[in-house]
Amino acid sequence: MTSPKTAVDIGPARPADGADLWRIARGAEGLDLNSPYSYLLWCRDFAATSAVARDASGRPVGFVTGYLRPEAPETLFVWQVAVDDSHRGTGVAGALLDALAERLTAEGRGPSRLEATVTPGNVASDRLFRSFARRRGAALTREVLFPADAFPDAGDPTDPGTPTDPGTPHDQADQATTAAPAHEPELLYRIGPLAR
């Protein structure tokens, strides 16, 4: 499907897209970056519930990854949405969400609800999902799904799950003062019911 507003072609993910999706995610601010391997698997195992935007040369410039929740198969959970710098602010993210919802509906698997998590500081994602809800004439509710204290502190040198070189006491002090900030809470956005 070609989106006339954004001049990109939108279709399902393909396994060969995995490296490009990782590259796009790496360049996106505020997005948790997964391993390159996870993007390759995602493009293989969840291609039917994901979408990729391609420029005129066929190069991926944006994506939305999602899955139908096993406990609620009429709910599409959107895992990640990211757009390459070259296409940010052009409506690609919204076009991706619309195209994915329309494709699933055309295949008879259309979701009646959409869910996603957004951190409080992610204004762009908040706007994206609010706009999607308005276009669909659907209600949007928000609640905390995972509070900040549910996440491990990635910069805590005393956390056994954090890879560090113990070094000297001076090194430990430097690590403690340059520790990564704690993860923000993840707010669950629920949108629905979606018009089919």
C-alpha atoms as a PDB file:
ATOM      1  CA  MET A   1       0.000   0.000   0.000  1.00  0.00           C
ATOM      2  CA  THR A   2       1.397   3.381  -0.976  1.00  0.00           C
ATOM      3  CA  SER A   3       0.541   6.233   1.343  1.00  0.00           C
ATOM      4  CA  PRO A   4      -0.131   9.290  -0.859  1.00  0.00           C
ATOM      5  CA  LYS A   5       0.408  11.678   2.073  1.00  0.00           C
ATOM      6  CA  THR A   6       3.860  10.356   2.959  1.00  0.00           C
ATOM      7  CA  ALA A   7       5.168   9.029  -0.409  1.00  0.00           C
ATOM      8  CA  VAL A   8       6.243   5.731   1.138  1.00  0.00           C
ATOM      9  CA  ASP A   9       5.171   2.190   0.388  1.00  0.00           C
ATOM     10  CA  ILE A  10       3.896   0.309   3.452  1.00  0.00           C
ATOM     11  CA  GLY A  11       3.765  -3.467   3.719  1.00  0.00           C
ATOM     12  CA  PRO A  12       4.538  -6.400   5.982  1.00  0.00           C
ATOM     13  CA  ALA A  13       7.998  -6.846   7.482  1.00  0.00           C
ATOM     14  CA  ARG A  14      10.395  -9.284   5.799  1.00  0.00           C
ATOM     15  CA  PRO A  15      13.255 -11.132   7.516  1.00  0.00           C
ATOM     16  CA  ALA A  16      15.753  -9.173   5.422  1.00  0.00           C
ATOM     17  CA  ASP A  17      14.428  -5.963   7.037  1.00  0.00           C
ATOM     18  CA  GLY A  18      15.731  -6.871  10.502  1.00  0.00           C
ATOM     19  CA  ALA A  19      19.071  -5.055  10.252  1.00  0.00           C
ATOM     20  CA  ASP A  20      17.404  -1.906   8.905  1.00  0.00           C
ATOM     21  CA  LEU A  21      14.802  -1.947  11.672  1.00  0.00           C
ATOM     22  CA  TRP A  22      17.599  -2.201  14.250  1.00  0.00           C
ATOM     23  CA  ARG A  23      19.376   0.751  12.567  1.00  0.00           C
ATOM     24  CA  ILE A  24      16.199   2.852  12.615  1.00  0.00           C
ATOM     25  CA  ALA A  25      15.488   1.938  16.253  1.00  0.00           C
ATOM     26  CA  ARG A  26      19.067   2.801  17.234  1.00  0.00           C
ATOM     27  CA  GLY A  27      18.584   6.300  15.821  1.00  0.00           C
ATOM     28  CA  ALA A  28      15.242   6.884  17.526  1.00  0.00           C
ATOM     29  CA  GLU A  29      15.307   8.879  20.744  1.00  0.00           C
ATOM     30  CA  GLY A  30      13.515   7.403  23.721  1.00  0.00           C
ATOM     31  CA  LEU A  31      13.132   3.934  22.214  1.00  0.00           C
ATOM     32  CA  ASP A  32      14.490   0.904  24.045  1.00  0.00           C
ATOM     33  CA  LEU A  33      16.952  -0.684  21.624  1.00  0.00           C
ATOM     34  CA  ASN A  34      16.782  -4.461  21.398  1.00  0.00           C
ATOM     35  CA  SER A  35      19.486  -6.744  20.015  1.00  0.00           C
ATOM     36  CA  PRO A  36      19.868  -6.977  16.216  1.00  0.00           C
ATOM     37  CA  TYR A  37      18.900 -10.648  16.544  1.00  0.00           C
ATOM     38  CA  SER A  38      15.534  -9.733  18.076  1.00  0.00           C
ATOM     39  CA  TYR A  39      14.675  -7.520  15.086  1.00  0.00           C
ATOM     40  CA  LEU A  40      15.562 -10.343  12.691  1.00  0.00           C
ATOM     41  CA  LEU A  41      13.322 -12.749  14.617  1.00  0.00           C
ATOM     42  CA  TRP A  42      10.566 -10.156  14.854  1.00  0.00           C
ATOM     43  CA  CYS A  43      10.570  -9.733  11.071  1.00  0.00           C
ATOM     44  CA  ARG A  44      10.246 -13.497  10.680  1.00  0.00           C
ATOM     45  CA  ASP A  45       7.836 -14.457  13.464  1.00  0.00           C
ATOM     46  CA  PHE A  46       5.650 -11.339  13.739  1.00  0.00           C
ATOM     47  CA  ALA A  47       5.728 -10.041  10.161  1.00  0.00           C
ATOM     48  CA  ALA A  48       1.961 -10.404   9.816  1.00  0.00           C
ATOM     49  CA  THR A  49       1.361  -7.990  12.700  1.00  0.00           C
ATOM     50  CA  SER A  50       4.085  -5.525  11.796  1.00  0.00           C
ATOM     51  CA  ALA A  51       4.536  -2.990   9.007  1.00  0.00           C
ATOM     52  CA  VAL A  52       7.495  -1.389   7.274  1.00  0.00           C
ATOM     53  CA  ALA A  53       7.526   1.890   5.339  1.00  0.00           C
ATOM     54  CA  ARG A  54       9.888   1.965   2.341  1.00  0.00           C
ATOM     55  CA  ASP A  55      11.129   4.934   0.358  1.00  0.00           C
ATOM     56  CA  ALA A  56      11.175   5.052  -3.461  1.00  0.00           C
ATOM     57  CA  SER A  57      14.352   2.951  -3.542  1.00  0.00           C
ATOM     58  CA  GLY A  58      12.751   0.232  -1.374  1.00  0.00           C
ATOM     59  CA  ARG A  59      14.865   1.085   1.687  1.00  0.00           C
ATOM     60  CA  PRO A  60      13.022   0.782   5.040  1.00  0.00           C
ATOM     61  CA  VAL A  61      12.491   4.235   6.577  1.00  0.00           C
ATOM     62  CA  GLY A  62      10.049   3.373   9.345  1.00  0.00           C
ATOM     63  CA  PHE A  63       8.358   0.489  11.088  1.00  0.00           C
ATOM     64  CA  VAL A  64       5.742  -0.572  13.569  1.00  0.00           C
ATOM     65  CA  THR A  65       6.101  -3.927  15.299  1.00  0.00           C
ATOM     66  CA  GLY A  66       3.217  -5.549  17.089  1.00  0.00           C
ATOM     67  CA  TYR A  67       1.466  -8.750  17.994  1.00  0.00           C
ATOM     68  CA  LEU A  68      -2.016  -9.984  18.807  1.00  0.00           C
ATOM     69  CA  ARG A  69      -2.104 -10.635  22.541  1.00  0.00           C
ATOM     70  CA  PRO A  70      -2.501 -14.368  23.276  1.00  0.00           C
ATOM     71  CA  GLU A  71      -4.874 -13.648  26.202  1.00  0.00           C
ATOM     72  CA  ALA A  72      -6.844 -11.101  24.157  1.00  0.00           C
ATOM     73  CA  PRO A  73      -6.488 -12.001  20.447  1.00  0.00           C
ATOM     74  CA  GLU A  74      -8.604  -9.029  19.327  1.00  0.00           C
ATOM     75  CA  THR A  75      -6.058  -6.668  20.897  1.00  0.00           C
ATOM     76  CA  LEU A  76      -3.084  -5.530  18.846  1.00  0.00           C
ATOM     77  CA  PHE A  77      -0.183  -4.634  21.120  1.00  0.00           C
ATOM     78  CA  VAL A  78       2.179  -2.199  19.417  1.00  0.00           C
ATOM     79  CA  TRP A  79       5.709  -3.006  20.577  1.00  0.00           C
ATOM     80  CA  GLN A  80       7.700  -0.304  18.797  1.00  0.00           C
ATOM     81  CA  VAL A  81       7.189   2.506  16.302  1.00  0.00           C
ATOM     82  CA  ALA A  82      10.211   4.231  14.799  1.00  0.00           C
ATOM     83  CA  VAL A  83      10.912   6.420  11.799  1.00  0.00           C
ATOM     84  CA  ASP A  84      14.262   7.266  10.217  1.00  0.00           C
ATOM     85  CA  ASP A  85      15.484  10.850  10.678  1.00  0.00           C
ATOM     86  CA  SER A  86      15.006  11.463   6.961  1.00  0.00           C
ATOM     87  CA  HIS A  87      11.239  10.933   7.252  1.00  0.00           C
ATOM     88  CA  ARG A  88      10.375  12.152  10.773  1.00  0.00           C
ATOM     89  CA  GLY A  89       7.587  14.681  10.977  1.00  0.00           C
ATOM     90  CA  THR A  90       6.062  13.631   7.644  1.00  0.00           C
ATOM     91  CA  GLY A  91       3.223  11.456   8.968  1.00  0.00           C
ATOM     92  CA  VAL A  92       4.948   8.116   8.376  1.00  0.00           C
ATOM     93  CA  ALA A  93       4.305   6.811  11.926  1.00  0.00           C
ATOM     94  CA  GLY A  94       0.580   7.520  11.698  1.00  0.00           C
ATOM     95  CA  ALA A  95       0.413   6.034   8.203  1.00  0.00           C
ATOM     96  CA  LEU A  96       2.134   2.880   9.502  1.00  0.00           C
ATOM     97  CA  LEU A  97      -0.423   2.435  12.314  1.00  0.00           C
ATOM     98  CA  ASP A  98      -3.337   3.060   9.943  1.00  0.00           C
ATOM     99  CA  ALA A  99      -1.961   0.684   7.298  1.00  0.00           C
ATOM    100  CA  LEU A 100      -1.363  -2.095   9.821  1.00  0.00           C
ATOM    101  CA  ALA A 101      -4.866  -1.794  11.317  1.00  0.00           C
ATOM    102  CA  GLU A 102      -6.418  -1.725   7.826  1.00  0.00           C
ATOM    103  CA  ARG A 103      -4.376  -4.724   6.631  1.00  0.00           C
ATOM    104  CA  LEU A 104      -5.350  -6.812   9.666  1.00  0.00           C
ATOM    105  CA  THR A 105      -9.009  -5.851   9.190  1.00  0.00           C
ATOM    106  CA  ALA A 106      -8.889  -6.779   5.475  1.00  0.00           C
ATOM    107  CA  GLU A 107      -7.400 -10.168   6.440  1.00  0.00           C
ATOM    108  CA  GLY A 108     -10.273 -10.784   8.864  1.00  0.00           C
ATOM    109  CA  ARG A 109      -8.004 -10.414  11.888  1.00  0.00           C
ATOM    110  CA  GLY A 110      -8.796  -6.771  12.554  1.00  0.00           C
ATOM    111  CA  PRO A 111      -8.237  -5.803  16.150  1.00  0.00           C
ATOM    112  CA  SER A 112     -11.042  -4.283  18.176  1.00  0.00           C
ATOM    113  CA  ARG A 113      -8.484  -2.640  20.455  1.00  0.00           C
ATOM    114  CA  LEU A 114      -4.943  -1.365  20.255  1.00  0.00           C
ATOM    115  CA  GLU A 115      -2.544  -1.205  23.186  1.00  0.00           C
ATOM    116  CA  ALA A 116       0.911   0.318  23.530  1.00  0.00           C
ATOM    117  CA  THR A 117       3.145   1.500  26.315  1.00  0.00           C
ATOM    118  CA  VAL A 118       4.572   5.002  26.360  1.00  0.00           C
ATOM    119  CA  THR A 119       6.885   6.666  28.865  1.00  0.00           C
ATOM    120  CA  PRO A 120       5.637  10.000  30.270  1.00  0.00           C
ATOM    121  CA  GLY A 121       8.449  11.910  28.560  1.00  0.00           C
ATOM    122  CA  ASN A 122       7.706  10.546  25.083  1.00  0.00           C
ATOM    123  CA  VAL A 123       5.586  13.398  23.721  1.00  0.00           C
ATOM    124  CA  ALA A 124       5.808  12.211  20.092  1.00  0.00           C
ATOM    125  CA  SER A 125       4.349   8.770  20.926  1.00  0.00           C
ATOM    126  CA  ASP A 126       1.648  10.326  23.092  1.00  0.00           C
ATOM    127  CA  ARG A 127       0.609  12.514  20.141  1.00  0.00           C
ATOM    128  CA  LEU A 128       0.803   9.575  17.731  1.00  0.00           C
ATOM    129  CA  PHE A 129      -1.557   7.352  19.738  1.00  0.00           C
ATOM    130  CA  ARG A 130      -3.954  10.185  20.608  1.00  0.00           C
ATOM    131  CA  SER A 131      -4.164  11.072  16.916  1.00  0.00           C
ATOM    132  CA  PHE A 132      -4.740   7.415  15.965  1.00  0.00           C
ATOM    133  CA  ALA A 133      -7.599   7.205  18.501  1.00  0.00           C
ATOM    134  CA  ARG A 134      -9.185  10.377  17.075  1.00  0.00           C
ATOM    135  CA  ARG A 135      -8.948   9.079  13.488  1.00  0.00           C
ATOM    136  CA  ARG A 136     -10.623   5.854  14.590  1.00  0.00           C
ATOM    137  CA  GLY A 137     -13.273   7.577  16.709  1.00  0.00           C
ATOM    138  CA  ALA A 138     -12.120   5.495  19.672  1.00  0.00           C
ATOM    139  CA  ALA A 139     -11.642   6.205  23.351  1.00  0.00           C
ATOM    140  CA  LEU A 140      -8.125   6.295  24.794  1.00  0.00           C
ATOM    141  CA  THR A 141      -7.355   5.462  28.411  1.00  0.00           C
ATOM    142  CA  ARG A 142      -3.987   5.453  30.183  1.00  0.00           C
ATOM    143  CA  GLU A 143      -2.752   3.740  33.313  1.00  0.00           C
ATOM    144  CA  VAL A 144       0.609   2.717  34.718  1.00  0.00           C
ATOM    145  CA  LEU A 145       1.461  -0.782  33.487  1.00  0.00           C
ATOM    146  CA  PHE A 146       5.022  -0.977  34.796  1.00  0.00           C
ATOM    147  CA  PRO A 147       6.153   1.515  37.464  1.00  0.00           C
ATOM    148  CA  ALA A 148       9.732   2.808  37.314  1.00  0.00           C
ATOM    149  CA  ASP A 149      10.799   0.555  40.186  1.00  0.00           C
ATOM    150  CA  ALA A 150       9.859  -2.538  38.151  1.00  0.00           C
ATOM    151  CA  PHE A 151      12.901  -1.952  35.927  1.00  0.00           C
ATOM    152  CA  PRO A 152      16.448  -2.848  36.908  1.00  0.00           C
ATOM    153  CA  ASP A 153      18.793   0.100  37.308  1.00  0.00           C
ATOM    154  CA  ALA A 154      21.016  -0.376  34.251  1.00  0.00           C
ATOM    155  CA  GLY A 155      23.774   1.734  35.750  1.00  0.00           C
ATOM    156  CA  ASP A 156      23.919   0.198  39.239  1.00  0.00           C
ATOM    157  CA  PRO A 157      27.427  -1.279  39.657  1.00  0.00           C
ATOM    158  CA  THR A 158      26.211  -3.336  42.647  1.00  0.00           C
ATOM    159  CA  ASP A 159      23.520  -5.052  40.568  1.00  0.00           C
ATOM    160  CA  PRO A 160      24.786  -8.566  39.741  1.00  0.00           C
ATOM    161  CA  GLY A 161      23.071  -8.333  36.350  1.00  0.00           C
ATOM    162  CA  THR A 162      25.043  -5.235  35.349  1.00  0.00           C
ATOM    163  CA  PRO A 163      28.290  -6.066  33.518  1.00  0.00           C
ATOM    164  CA  THR A 164      31.051  -3.948  35.041  1.00  0.00           C
ATOM    165  CA  ASP A 165      34.764  -4.090  35.570  1.00  0.00           C
ATOM    166  CA  PRO A 166      35.206  -3.694  39.311  1.00  0.00           C
ATOM    167  CA  GLY A 167      38.504  -1.838  38.779  1.00  0.00           C
ATOM    168  CA  THR A 168      39.674   0.422  41.536  1.00  0.00           C
ATOM    169  CA  PRO A 169      37.515   2.212  44.097  1.00  0.00           C
ATOM    170  CA  HIS A 170      38.029   5.375  41.995  1.00  0.00           C
ATOM    171  CA  ASP A 171      36.523   3.573  38.954  1.00  0.00           C
ATOM    172  CA  GLN A 172      33.545   2.449  41.025  1.00  0.00           C
ATOM    173  CA  ALA A 173      32.896   6.017  42.139  1.00  0.00           C
ATOM    174  CA  ASP A 174      33.047   7.202  38.521  1.00  0.00           C
ATOM    175  CA  GLN A 175      30.576   4.476  37.515  1.00  0.00           C
ATOM    176  CA  ALA A 176      28.196   5.454  40.296  1.00  0.00           C
ATOM    177  CA  THR A 177      28.205   9.141  39.311  1.00  0.00           C
ATOM    178  CA  THR A 178      27.720   8.395  35.591  1.00  0.00           C
ATOM    179  CA  ALA A 179      25.075   5.696  36.071  1.00  0.00           C
ATOM    180  CA  ALA A 180      22.285   5.611  33.538  1.00  0.00           C
ATOM    181  CA  PRO A 181      19.070   7.212  34.752  1.00  0.00           C
ATOM    182  CA  ALA A 182      16.344   4.933  36.001  1.00  0.00           C
ATOM    183  CA  HIS A 183      13.766   3.810  33.449  1.00  0.00           C
ATOM    184  CA  GLU A 184      10.604   5.907  33.404  1.00  0.00           C
ATOM    185  CA  PRO A 185       7.311   4.155  34.151  1.00  0.00           C
ATOM    186  CA  GLU A 186       5.565   2.615  31.153  1.00  0.00           C
ATOM    187  CA  LEU A 187       2.013   3.871  30.730  1.00  0.00           C
ATOM    188  CA  LEU A 188      -0.418   1.500  29.052  1.00  0.00           C
ATOM    189  CA  TYR A 189      -2.450   3.243  26.353  1.00  0.00           C
ATOM    190  CA  ARG A 190      -5.663   1.391  25.525  1.00  0.00           C
ATOM    191  CA  ILE A 191      -7.505   2.505  22.406  1.00  0.00           C
ATOM    192  CA  GLY A 192     -10.884   1.122  21.475  1.00  0.00           C
ATOM    193  CA  PRO A 193     -13.215  -0.059  20.428  1.00  0.00           C
ATOM    194  CA  LEU A 194     -11.858   0.444  16.924  1.00  0.00           C
ATOM    195  CA  ALA A 195     -14.320   0.919  14.088  1.00  0.00           C
ATOM    196  CA  ARG A 196     -13.965  -1.909  11.575  1.00  0.00           C
END
